[in-house]
ModelCIF file with pLDDT and N, C-alpha, C, O atoms, coordinates in Angstrom:
data_MODEL
#
_entry.id   MODEL 
#
_entity.id                         1 
_entity.type                       polymer 
_entity.pdbx_number_of_molecules   1 
#
_entity_poly.entity_id                      1 
_entity_poly.type                           'polypeptide(L)' 
_entity_poly.nstd_linkage                   no 
_entity_poly.nstd_monomer                   no 
_entity_poly.pdbx_seq_one_letter_code       LTFGSTNALASLRKRVMDASQDLSVRRTALESLLAAKDANLAPLLQQ 
_entity_poly.pdbx_seq_one_letter_code_can   LTFGSTNALASLRKRVMDASQDLSVRRTALESLLAAKDANLAPLLQQ 
_entity_poly.pdbx_strand_id                 A 
#
loop_
_entity_poly_seq.entity_id 
_entity_poly_seq.num 
_entity_poly_seq.mon_id 
_entity_poly_seq.hetero 
1 1  LEU n 
1 2  THR n 
1 3  PHE n 
1 4  GLY n 
1 5  SER n 
1 6  THR n 
1 7  ASN n 
1 8  ALA n 
1 9  LEU n 
1 10 ALA n 
1 11 SER n 
1 12 LEU n 
1 13 ARG n 
1 14 LYS n 
1 15 ARG n 
1 16 VAL n 
1 17 MET n 
1 18 ASP n 
1 19 ALA n 
1 20 SER n 
1 21 GLN n 
1 22 ASP n 
1 23 LEU n 
1 24 SER n 
1 25 VAL n 
1 26 ARG n 
1 27 ARG n 
1 28 THR n 
1 29 ALA n 
1 30 LEU n 
1 31 GLU n 
1 32 SER n 
1 33 LEU n 
1 34 LEU n 
1 35 ALA n 
1 36 ALA n 
1 37 LYS n 
1 38 ASP n 
1 39 ALA n 
1 40 ASN n 
1 41 LEU n 
1 42 ALA n 
1 43 PRO n 
1 44 LEU n 
1 45 LEU n 
1 46 GLN n 
1 47 GLN n 
#
_struct_asym.id          A 
_struct_asym.entity_id   1 
#
loop_
_ma_qa_metric.id 
_ma_qa_metric.mode 
_ma_qa_metric.name 
_ma_qa_metric.software_group_id 
_ma_qa_metric.type 
1 global pLDDT . pLDDT 
2 local  pLDDT . pLDDT 
#
_ma_qa_metric_global.metric_id      1 
_ma_qa_metric_global.metric_value   90.68 
_ma_qa_metric_global.model_id       1 
_ma_qa_metric_global.ordinal_id     1 
#
loop_
_ma_qa_metric_local.label_asym_id 
_ma_qa_metric_local.label_comp_id 
_ma_qa_metric_local.label_seq_id 
_ma_qa_metric_local.metric_id 
_ma_qa_metric_local.metric_value 
_ma_qa_metric_local.model_id 
_ma_qa_metric_local.ordinal_id 
A LEU 1  2 90.00 1 1  
A THR 2  2 91.00 1 2  
A PHE 3  2 91.00 1 3  
A GLY 4  2 89.00 1 4  
A SER 5  2 88.00 1 5  
A THR 6  2 86.00 1 6  
A ASN 7  2 87.00 1 7  
A ALA 8  2 89.00 1 8  
A LEU 9  2 89.00 1 9  
A ALA 10 2 89.00 1 10 
A SER 11 2 88.00 1 11 
A LEU 12 2 90.00 1 12 
A ARG 13 2 92.00 1 13 
A LYS 14 2 91.00 1 14 
A ARG 15 2 89.00 1 15 
A VAL 16 2 93.00 1 16 
A MET 17 2 94.00 1 17 
A ASP 18 2 93.00 1 18 
A ALA 19 2 92.00 1 19 
A SER 20 2 91.00 1 20 
A GLN 21 2 88.00 1 21 
A ASP 22 2 90.00 1 22 
A LEU 23 2 93.00 1 23 
A SER 24 2 90.00 1 24 
A VAL 25 2 88.00 1 25 
A ARG 26 2 93.00 1 26 
A ARG 27 2 93.00 1 27 
A THR 28 2 90.00 1 28 
A ALA 29 2 90.00 1 29 
A LEU 30 2 93.00 1 30 
A GLU 31 2 91.00 1 31 
A SER 32 2 88.00 1 32 
A LEU 33 2 91.00 1 33 
A LEU 34 2 91.00 1 34 
A ALA 35 2 87.00 1 35 
A ALA 36 2 86.00 1 36 
A LYS 37 2 88.00 1 37 
A ASP 38 2 87.00 1 38 
A ALA 39 2 87.00 1 39 
A ASN 40 2 89.00 1 40 
A LEU 41 2 94.00 1 41 
A ALA 42 2 95.00 1 42 
A PRO 43 2 95.00 1 43 
A LEU 44 2 95.00 1 44 
A LEU 45 2 96.00 1 45 
A GLN 46 2 96.00 1 46 
A GLN 47 2 96.00 1 47 
#
loop_
_atom_site.group_PDB 
_atom_site.id 
_atom_site.type_symbol 
_atom_site.label_atom_id 
_atom_site.label_alt_id 
_atom_site.label_comp_id 
_atom_site.label_asym_id 
_atom_site.label_entity_id 
_atom_site.label_seq_id 
_atom_site.pdbx_PDB_ins_code 
_atom_site.Cartn_x 
_atom_site.Cartn_y 
_atom_site.Cartn_z 
_atom_site.occupancy 
_atom_site.B_iso_or_equiv 
_atom_site.pdbx_formal_charge 
_atom_site.auth_seq_id 
_atom_site.auth_comp_id 
_atom_site.auth_asym_id 
_atom_site.auth_atom_id 
_atom_site.pdbx_PDB_model_num 
ATOM 1   N N  . LEU A 1 1  ? 142.234 206.098 138.668 1.00 90.00 ? 1  LEU A N  1 
ATOM 2   C CA . LEU A 1 1  ? 141.120 206.873 138.139 1.00 90.00 ? 1  LEU A CA 1 
ATOM 3   C C  . LEU A 1 1  ? 140.576 207.817 139.203 1.00 90.00 ? 1  LEU A C  1 
ATOM 4   O O  . LEU A 1 1  ? 140.295 208.981 138.919 1.00 90.00 ? 1  LEU A O  1 
ATOM 5   N N  . THR A 1 2  ? 140.427 207.317 140.431 1.00 91.00 ? 2  THR A N  1 
ATOM 6   C CA . THR A 1 2  ? 139.981 208.161 141.544 1.00 91.00 ? 2  THR A CA 1 
ATOM 7   C C  . THR A 1 2  ? 140.977 209.284 141.802 1.00 91.00 ? 2  THR A C  1 
ATOM 8   O O  . THR A 1 2  ? 140.605 210.389 142.198 1.00 91.00 ? 2  THR A O  1 
ATOM 9   N N  . PHE A 1 3  ? 142.250 208.977 141.569 1.00 91.00 ? 3  PHE A N  1 
ATOM 10  C CA . PHE A 1 3  ? 143.296 209.984 141.787 1.00 91.00 ? 3  PHE A CA 1 
ATOM 11  C C  . PHE A 1 3  ? 143.510 210.894 140.577 1.00 91.00 ? 3  PHE A C  1 
ATOM 12  O O  . PHE A 1 3  ? 144.449 211.690 140.557 1.00 91.00 ? 3  PHE A O  1 
ATOM 13  N N  . GLY A 1 4  ? 142.634 210.777 139.561 1.00 89.00 ? 4  GLY A N  1 
ATOM 14  C CA . GLY A 1 4  ? 142.661 211.712 138.434 1.00 89.00 ? 4  GLY A CA 1 
ATOM 15  C C  . GLY A 1 4  ? 143.597 211.357 137.298 1.00 89.00 ? 4  GLY A C  1 
ATOM 16  O O  . GLY A 1 4  ? 143.981 212.235 136.525 1.00 89.00 ? 4  GLY A O  1 
ATOM 17  N N  . SER A 1 5  ? 143.973 210.098 137.174 1.00 88.00 ? 5  SER A N  1 
ATOM 18  C CA . SER A 1 5  ? 144.894 209.699 136.110 1.00 88.00 ? 5  SER A CA 1 
ATOM 19  C C  . SER A 1 5  ? 144.149 209.547 134.777 1.00 88.00 ? 5  SER A C  1 
ATOM 20  O O  . SER A 1 5  ? 143.220 208.744 134.683 1.00 88.00 ? 5  SER A O  1 
ATOM 21  N N  . THR A 1 6  ? 144.538 210.299 133.758 1.00 86.00 ? 6  THR A N  1 
ATOM 22  C CA . THR A 1 6  ? 143.933 210.178 132.433 1.00 86.00 ? 6  THR A CA 1 
ATOM 23  C C  . THR A 1 6  ? 144.368 208.892 131.748 1.00 86.00 ? 6  THR A C  1 
ATOM 24  O O  . THR A 1 6  ? 143.614 208.333 130.952 1.00 86.00 ? 6  THR A O  1 
ATOM 25  N N  . ASN A 1 7  ? 145.567 208.415 132.043 1.00 87.00 ? 7  ASN A N  1 
ATOM 26  C CA . ASN A 1 7  ? 146.026 207.145 131.469 1.00 87.00 ? 7  ASN A CA 1 
ATOM 27  C C  . ASN A 1 7  ? 145.135 205.988 131.930 1.00 87.00 ? 7  ASN A C  1 
ATOM 28  O O  . ASN A 1 7  ? 144.780 205.115 131.138 1.00 87.00 ? 7  ASN A O  1 
ATOM 29  N N  . ALA A 1 8  ? 144.779 205.991 133.215 1.00 89.00 ? 8  ALA A N  1 
ATOM 30  C CA . ALA A 1 8  ? 143.920 204.938 133.756 1.00 89.00 ? 8  ALA A CA 1 
ATOM 31  C C  . ALA A 1 8  ? 142.546 204.965 133.103 1.00 89.00 ? 8  ALA A C  1 
ATOM 32  O O  . ALA A 1 8  ? 141.970 203.913 132.823 1.00 89.00 ? 8  ALA A O  1 
ATOM 33  N N  . LEU A 1 9  ? 142.022 206.153 132.860 1.00 89.00 ? 9  LEU A N  1 
ATOM 34  C CA . LEU A 1 9  ? 140.714 206.293 132.233 1.00 89.00 ? 9  LEU A CA 1 
ATOM 35  C C  . LEU A 1 9  ? 140.703 205.642 130.851 1.00 89.00 ? 9  LEU A C  1 
ATOM 36  O O  . LEU A 1 9  ? 139.803 204.865 130.532 1.00 89.00 ? 9  LEU A O  1 
ATOM 37  N N  . ALA A 1 10 ? 141.696 205.960 130.044 1.00 89.00 ? 10 ALA A N  1 
ATOM 38  C CA . ALA A 1 10 ? 141.771 205.405 128.688 1.00 89.00 ? 10 ALA A CA 1 
ATOM 39  C C  . ALA A 1 10 ? 141.978 203.896 128.724 1.00 89.00 ? 10 ALA A C  1 
ATOM 40  O O  . ALA A 1 10 ? 141.388 203.165 127.929 1.00 89.00 ? 10 ALA A O  1 
ATOM 41  N N  . SER A 1 11 ? 142.815 203.433 129.646 1.00 88.00 ? 11 SER A N  1 
ATOM 42  C CA . SER A 1 11 ? 143.119 202.009 129.735 1.00 88.00 ? 11 SER A CA 1 
ATOM 43  C C  . SER A 1 11 ? 141.895 201.207 130.161 1.00 88.00 ? 11 SER A C  1 
ATOM 44  O O  . SER A 1 11 ? 141.633 200.136 129.615 1.00 88.00 ? 11 SER A O  1 
ATOM 45  N N  . LEU A 1 12 ? 141.142 201.726 131.140 1.00 90.00 ? 12 LEU A N  1 
ATOM 46  C CA . LEU A 1 12 ? 139.963 201.010 131.616 1.00 90.00 ? 12 LEU A CA 1 
ATOM 47  C C  . LEU A 1 12 ? 138.869 200.960 130.554 1.00 90.00 ? 12 LEU A C  1 
ATOM 48  O O  . LEU A 1 12 ? 138.198 199.938 130.409 1.00 90.00 ? 12 LEU A O  1 
ATOM 49  N N  . ARG A 1 13 ? 138.683 202.038 129.819 1.00 92.00 ? 13 ARG A N  1 
ATOM 50  C CA . ARG A 1 13 ? 137.693 202.030 128.733 1.00 92.00 ? 13 ARG A CA 1 
ATOM 51  C C  . ARG A 1 13 ? 138.064 200.968 127.694 1.00 92.00 ? 13 ARG A C  1 
ATOM 52  O O  . ARG A 1 13 ? 137.211 200.210 127.231 1.00 92.00 ? 13 ARG A O  1 
ATOM 53  N N  . LYS A 1 14 ? 139.334 200.927 127.341 1.00 91.00 ? 14 LYS A N  1 
ATOM 54  C CA . LYS A 1 14 ? 139.794 199.952 126.349 1.00 91.00 ? 14 LYS A CA 1 
ATOM 55  C C  . LYS A 1 14 ? 139.584 198.525 126.851 1.00 91.00 ? 14 LYS A C  1 
ATOM 56  O O  . LYS A 1 14 ? 139.185 197.646 126.088 1.00 91.00 ? 14 LYS A O  1 
ATOM 57  N N  . ARG A 1 15 ? 139.853 198.298 128.138 1.00 89.00 ? 15 ARG A N  1 
ATOM 58  C CA . ARG A 1 15 ? 139.743 196.958 128.713 1.00 89.00 ? 15 ARG A CA 1 
ATOM 59  C C  . ARG A 1 15 ? 138.264 196.505 128.743 1.00 89.00 ? 15 ARG A C  1 
ATOM 60  O O  . ARG A 1 15 ? 137.962 195.344 128.468 1.00 89.00 ? 15 ARG A O  1 
ATOM 61  N N  . VAL A 1 16 ? 137.363 197.424 129.075 1.00 93.00 ? 16 VAL A N  1 
ATOM 62  C CA . VAL A 1 16 ? 135.946 197.084 129.122 1.00 93.00 ? 16 VAL A CA 1 
ATOM 63  C C  . VAL A 1 16 ? 135.445 196.618 127.760 1.00 93.00 ? 16 VAL A C  1 
ATOM 64  O O  . VAL A 1 16 ? 134.660 195.673 127.676 1.00 93.00 ? 16 VAL A O  1 
ATOM 65  N N  . MET A 1 17 ? 135.889 197.269 126.705 1.00 94.00 ? 17 MET A N  1 
ATOM 66  C CA . MET A 1 17 ? 135.363 196.979 125.366 1.00 94.00 ? 17 MET A CA 1 
ATOM 67  C C  . MET A 1 17 ? 136.107 195.849 124.663 1.00 94.00 ? 17 MET A C  1 
ATOM 68  O O  . MET A 1 17 ? 135.740 195.461 123.554 1.00 94.00 ? 17 MET A O  1 
ATOM 69  N N  . ASP A 1 18 ? 137.146 195.322 125.296 1.00 93.00 ? 18 ASP A N  1 
ATOM 70  C CA . ASP A 1 18 ? 137.946 194.255 124.684 1.00 93.00 ? 18 ASP A CA 1 
ATOM 71  C C  . ASP A 1 18 ? 137.360 192.895 125.053 1.00 93.00 ? 18 ASP A C  1 
ATOM 72  O O  . ASP A 1 18 ? 137.569 192.405 126.163 1.00 93.00 ? 18 ASP A O  1 
ATOM 73  N N  . ALA A 1 19 ? 136.632 192.293 124.126 1.00 92.00 ? 19 ALA A N  1 
ATOM 74  C CA . ALA A 1 19 ? 135.948 191.019 124.395 1.00 92.00 ? 19 ALA A CA 1 
ATOM 75  C C  . ALA A 1 19 ? 136.915 189.865 124.611 1.00 92.00 ? 19 ALA A C  1 
ATOM 76  O O  . ALA A 1 19 ? 136.505 188.812 125.098 1.00 92.00 ? 19 ALA A O  1 
ATOM 77  N N  . SER A 1 20 ? 138.179 190.033 124.265 1.00 91.00 ? 20 SER A N  1 
ATOM 78  C CA . SER A 1 20 ? 139.160 188.958 124.455 1.00 91.00 ? 20 SER A CA 1 
ATOM 79  C C  . SER A 1 20 ? 139.666 188.892 125.891 1.00 91.00 ? 20 SER A C  1 
ATOM 80  O O  . SER A 1 20 ? 140.300 187.914 126.286 1.00 91.00 ? 20 SER A O  1 
ATOM 81  N N  . GLN A 1 21 ? 139.386 189.933 126.671 1.00 88.00 ? 21 GLN A N  1 
ATOM 82  C CA . GLN A 1 21 ? 139.839 189.971 128.063 1.00 88.00 ? 21 GLN A CA 1 
ATOM 83  C C  . GLN A 1 21 ? 138.966 189.053 128.929 1.00 88.00 ? 21 GLN A C  1 
ATOM 84  O O  . GLN A 1 21 ? 137.826 188.752 128.575 1.00 88.00 ? 21 GLN A O  1 
ATOM 85  N N  . ASP A 1 22 ? 139.512 188.616 130.060 1.00 90.00 ? 22 ASP A N  1 
ATOM 86  C CA . ASP A 1 22 ? 138.744 187.827 131.012 1.00 90.00 ? 22 ASP A CA 1 
ATOM 87  C C  . ASP A 1 22 ? 137.532 188.628 131.484 1.00 90.00 ? 22 ASP A C  1 
ATOM 88  O O  . ASP A 1 22 ? 137.644 189.820 131.767 1.00 90.00 ? 22 ASP A O  1 
ATOM 89  N N  . LEU A 1 23 ? 136.362 187.965 131.569 1.00 93.00 ? 23 LEU A N  1 
ATOM 90  C CA . LEU A 1 23 ? 135.121 188.657 131.899 1.00 93.00 ? 23 LEU A CA 1 
ATOM 91  C C  . LEU A 1 23 ? 135.179 189.321 133.276 1.00 93.00 ? 23 LEU A C  1 
ATOM 92  O O  . LEU A 1 23 ? 134.663 190.426 133.445 1.00 93.00 ? 23 LEU A O  1 
ATOM 93  N N  . SER A 1 24 ? 135.794 188.670 134.253 1.00 90.00 ? 24 SER A N  1 
ATOM 94  C CA . SER A 1 24 ? 135.866 189.258 135.599 1.00 90.00 ? 24 SER A CA 1 
ATOM 95  C C  . SER A 1 24 ? 136.689 190.539 135.597 1.00 90.00 ? 24 SER A C  1 
ATOM 96  O O  . SER A 1 24 ? 136.384 191.482 136.327 1.00 90.00 ? 24 SER A O  1 
ATOM 97  N N  . VAL A 1 25 ? 137.731 190.570 134.777 1.00 88.00 ? 25 VAL A N  1 
ATOM 98  C CA . VAL A 1 25 ? 138.564 191.769 134.663 1.00 88.00 ? 25 VAL A CA 1 
ATOM 99  C C  . VAL A 1 25 ? 137.769 192.895 134.008 1.00 88.00 ? 25 VAL A C  1 
ATOM 100 O O  . VAL A 1 25 ? 137.848 194.047 134.437 1.00 88.00 ? 25 VAL A O  1 
ATOM 101 N N  . ARG A 1 26 ? 137.008 192.563 132.976 1.00 93.00 ? 26 ARG A N  1 
ATOM 102 C CA . ARG A 1 26 ? 136.184 193.577 132.302 1.00 93.00 ? 26 ARG A CA 1 
ATOM 103 C C  . ARG A 1 26 ? 135.116 194.122 133.259 1.00 93.00 ? 26 ARG A C  1 
ATOM 104 O O  . ARG A 1 26 ? 134.836 195.320 133.265 1.00 93.00 ? 26 ARG A O  1 
ATOM 105 N N  . ARG A 1 27 ? 134.531 193.243 134.057 1.00 93.00 ? 27 ARG A N  1 
ATOM 106 C CA . ARG A 1 27 ? 133.513 193.687 135.015 1.00 93.00 ? 27 ARG A CA 1 
ATOM 107 C C  . ARG A 1 27 ? 134.103 194.646 136.043 1.00 93.00 ? 27 ARG A C  1 
ATOM 108 O O  . ARG A 1 27 ? 133.498 195.667 136.370 1.00 93.00 ? 27 ARG A O  1 
ATOM 109 N N  . THR A 1 28 ? 135.283 194.311 136.547 1.00 90.00 ? 28 THR A N  1 
ATOM 110 C CA . THR A 1 28 ? 135.936 195.180 137.530 1.00 90.00 ? 28 THR A CA 1 
ATOM 111 C C  . THR A 1 28 ? 136.255 196.534 136.920 1.00 90.00 ? 28 THR A C  1 
ATOM 112 O O  . THR A 1 28 ? 136.079 197.572 137.558 1.00 90.00 ? 28 THR A O  1 
ATOM 113 N N  . ALA A 1 29 ? 136.727 196.514 135.673 1.00 90.00 ? 29 ALA A N  1 
ATOM 114 C CA . ALA A 1 29 ? 137.038 197.772 134.981 1.00 90.00 ? 29 ALA A CA 1 
ATOM 115 C C  . ALA A 1 29 ? 135.774 198.618 134.811 1.00 90.00 ? 29 ALA A C  1 
ATOM 116 O O  . ALA A 1 29 ? 135.805 199.834 135.004 1.00 90.00 ? 29 ALA A O  1 
ATOM 117 N N  . LEU A 1 30 ? 134.662 197.969 134.448 1.00 93.00 ? 30 LEU A N  1 
ATOM 118 C CA . LEU A 1 30 ? 133.404 198.700 134.271 1.00 93.00 ? 30 LEU A CA 1 
ATOM 119 C C  . LEU A 1 30 ? 132.909 199.271 135.596 1.00 93.00 ? 30 LEU A C  1 
ATOM 120 O O  . LEU A 1 30 ? 132.440 200.408 135.646 1.00 93.00 ? 30 LEU A O  1 
ATOM 121 N N  . GLU A 1 31 ? 133.010 198.491 136.664 1.00 91.00 ? 31 GLU A N  1 
ATOM 122 C CA . GLU A 1 31 ? 132.615 198.986 137.991 1.00 91.00 ? 31 GLU A CA 1 
ATOM 123 C C  . GLU A 1 31 ? 133.417 200.228 138.362 1.00 91.00 ? 31 GLU A C  1 
ATOM 124 O O  . GLU A 1 31 ? 132.884 201.163 138.960 1.00 91.00 ? 31 GLU A O  1 
ATOM 125 N N  . SER A 1 32 ? 134.690 200.234 138.007 1.00 88.00 ? 32 SER A N  1 
ATOM 126 C CA . SER A 1 32 ? 135.546 201.379 138.329 1.00 88.00 ? 32 SER A CA 1 
ATOM 127 C C  . SER A 1 32 ? 135.118 202.619 137.561 1.00 88.00 ? 32 SER A C  1 
ATOM 128 O O  . SER A 1 32 ? 135.070 203.715 138.120 1.00 88.00 ? 32 SER A O  1 
ATOM 129 N N  . LEU A 1 33 ? 134.808 202.450 136.282 1.00 91.00 ? 33 LEU A N  1 
ATOM 130 C CA . LEU A 1 33 ? 134.370 203.589 135.474 1.00 91.00 ? 33 LEU A CA 1 
ATOM 131 C C  . LEU A 1 33 ? 133.026 204.118 135.959 1.00 91.00 ? 33 LEU A C  1 
ATOM 132 O O  . LEU A 1 33 ? 132.796 205.327 135.960 1.00 91.00 ? 33 LEU A O  1 
ATOM 133 N N  . LEU A 1 34 ? 132.138 203.216 136.371 1.00 91.00 ? 34 LEU A N  1 
ATOM 134 C CA . LEU A 1 34 ? 130.842 203.645 136.901 1.00 91.00 ? 34 LEU A CA 1 
ATOM 135 C C  . LEU A 1 34 ? 131.005 204.363 138.237 1.00 91.00 ? 34 LEU A C  1 
ATOM 136 O O  . LEU A 1 34 ? 130.327 205.354 138.507 1.00 91.00 ? 34 LEU A O  1 
ATOM 137 N N  . ALA A 1 35 ? 131.918 203.849 139.074 1.00 87.00 ? 35 ALA A N  1 
ATOM 138 C CA . ALA A 1 35 ? 132.144 204.482 140.379 1.00 87.00 ? 35 ALA A CA 1 
ATOM 139 C C  . ALA A 1 35 ? 132.703 205.888 140.216 1.00 87.00 ? 35 ALA A C  1 
ATOM 140 O O  . ALA A 1 35 ? 132.384 206.786 140.996 1.00 87.00 ? 35 ALA A O  1 
ATOM 141 N N  . ALA A 1 36 ? 133.545 206.075 139.190 1.00 86.00 ? 36 ALA A N  1 
ATOM 142 C CA . ALA A 1 36 ? 134.128 207.397 138.937 1.00 86.00 ? 36 ALA A CA 1 
ATOM 143 C C  . ALA A 1 36 ? 133.191 208.287 138.145 1.00 86.00 ? 36 ALA A C  1 
ATOM 144 O O  . ALA A 1 36 ? 133.461 209.474 137.963 1.00 86.00 ? 36 ALA A O  1 
ATOM 145 N N  . LYS A 1 37 ? 132.071 207.709 137.665 1.00 88.00 ? 37 LYS A N  1 
ATOM 146 C CA . LYS A 1 37 ? 131.101 208.400 136.813 1.00 88.00 ? 37 LYS A CA 1 
ATOM 147 C C  . LYS A 1 37 ? 131.796 209.057 135.631 1.00 88.00 ? 37 LYS A C  1 
ATOM 148 O O  . LYS A 1 37 ? 131.710 210.269 135.429 1.00 88.00 ? 37 LYS A O  1 
ATOM 149 N N  . ASP A 1 38 ? 132.486 208.229 134.859 1.00 87.00 ? 38 ASP A N  1 
ATOM 150 C CA . ASP A 1 38 ? 133.127 208.677 133.626 1.00 87.00 ? 38 ASP A CA 1 
ATOM 151 C C  . ASP A 1 38 ? 132.090 209.383 132.754 1.00 87.00 ? 38 ASP A C  1 
ATOM 152 O O  . ASP A 1 38 ? 131.085 208.783 132.372 1.00 87.00 ? 38 ASP A O  1 
ATOM 153 N N  . ALA A 1 39 ? 132.333 210.649 132.441 1.00 87.00 ? 39 ALA A N  1 
ATOM 154 C CA . ALA A 1 39 ? 131.344 211.467 131.742 1.00 87.00 ? 39 ALA A CA 1 
ATOM 155 C C  . ALA A 1 39 ? 131.013 210.954 130.347 1.00 87.00 ? 39 ALA A C  1 
ATOM 156 O O  . ALA A 1 39 ? 129.930 211.230 129.831 1.00 87.00 ? 39 ALA A O  1 
ATOM 157 N N  . ASN A 1 40 ? 131.932 210.210 129.729 1.00 89.00 ? 40 ASN A N  1 
ATOM 158 C CA . ASN A 1 40 ? 131.720 209.735 128.358 1.00 89.00 ? 40 ASN A CA 1 
ATOM 159 C C  . ASN A 1 40 ? 131.377 208.251 128.294 1.00 89.00 ? 40 ASN A C  1 
ATOM 160 O O  . ASN A 1 40 ? 131.585 207.605 127.266 1.00 89.00 ? 40 ASN A O  1 
ATOM 161 N N  . LEU A 1 41 ? 130.851 207.710 129.392 1.00 94.00 ? 41 LEU A N  1 
ATOM 162 C CA . LEU A 1 41 ? 130.637 206.268 129.458 1.00 94.00 ? 41 LEU A CA 1 
ATOM 163 C C  . LEU A 1 41 ? 129.324 205.816 128.815 1.00 94.00 ? 41 LEU A C  1 
ATOM 164 O O  . LEU A 1 41 ? 129.229 204.670 128.374 1.00 94.00 ? 41 LEU A O  1 
ATOM 165 N N  . ALA A 1 42 ? 128.316 206.679 128.751 1.00 95.00 ? 42 ALA A N  1 
ATOM 166 C CA . ALA A 1 42 ? 126.992 206.247 128.284 1.00 95.00 ? 42 ALA A CA 1 
ATOM 167 C C  . ALA A 1 42 ? 127.020 205.574 126.906 1.00 95.00 ? 42 ALA A C  1 
ATOM 168 O O  . ALA A 1 42 ? 126.401 204.520 126.756 1.00 95.00 ? 42 ALA A O  1 
ATOM 169 N N  . PRO A 1 43 ? 127.709 206.125 125.885 1.00 95.00 ? 43 PRO A N  1 
ATOM 170 C CA . PRO A 1 43 ? 127.734 205.446 124.579 1.00 95.00 ? 43 PRO A CA 1 
ATOM 171 C C  . PRO A 1 43 ? 128.364 204.049 124.648 1.00 95.00 ? 43 PRO A C  1 
ATOM 172 O O  . PRO A 1 43 ? 127.942 203.142 123.930 1.00 95.00 ? 43 PRO A O  1 
ATOM 173 N N  . LEU A 1 44 ? 129.370 203.877 125.507 1.00 95.00 ? 44 LEU A N  1 
ATOM 174 C CA . LEU A 1 44 ? 129.980 202.551 125.657 1.00 95.00 ? 44 LEU A CA 1 
ATOM 175 C C  . LEU A 1 44 ? 129.007 201.588 126.321 1.00 95.00 ? 44 LEU A C  1 
ATOM 176 O O  . LEU A 1 44 ? 128.917 200.426 125.926 1.00 95.00 ? 44 LEU A O  1 
ATOM 177 N N  . LEU A 1 45 ? 128.277 202.062 127.327 1.00 96.00 ? 45 LEU A N  1 
ATOM 178 C CA . LEU A 1 45 ? 127.284 201.219 127.989 1.00 96.00 ? 45 LEU A CA 1 
ATOM 179 C C  . LEU A 1 45 ? 126.193 200.789 127.000 1.00 96.00 ? 45 LEU A C  1 
ATOM 180 O O  . LEU A 1 45 ? 125.719 199.654 127.046 1.00 96.00 ? 45 LEU A O  1 
ATOM 181 N N  . GLN A 1 46 ? 125.808 201.684 126.126 1.00 96.00 ? 46 GLN A N  1 
ATOM 182 C CA . GLN A 1 46 ? 124.799 201.339 125.117 1.00 96.00 ? 46 GLN A CA 1 
ATOM 183 C C  . GLN A 1 46 ? 125.317 200.254 124.168 1.00 96.00 ? 46 GLN A C  1 
ATOM 184 O O  . GLN A 1 46 ? 124.564 199.373 123.753 1.00 96.00 ? 46 GLN A O  1 
ATOM 185 N N  . GLN A 1 47 ? 126.602 200.323 123.828 1.00 96.00 ? 47 GLN A N  1 
ATOM 186 C CA . GLN A 1 47 ? 127.196 199.262 123.004 1.00 96.00 ? 47 GLN A CA 1 
ATOM 187 C C  . GLN A 1 47 ? 127.190 197.922 123.728 1.00 96.00 ? 47 GLN A C  1 
ATOM 188 O O  . GLN A 1 47 ? 127.652 196.921 123.179 1.00 96.00 ? 47 GLN A O  1 
#
């Protein structure tokens, strides 16, 4: 994501919203999206 990969962006968003995933993995994915300041993250955070 830091290196500009669009595939990583989509994958991390999907992982964050997938409640079946391990919580620690979802947290790490969310931290990554926040660190990159994903421009479309606010609606997901509200969910």
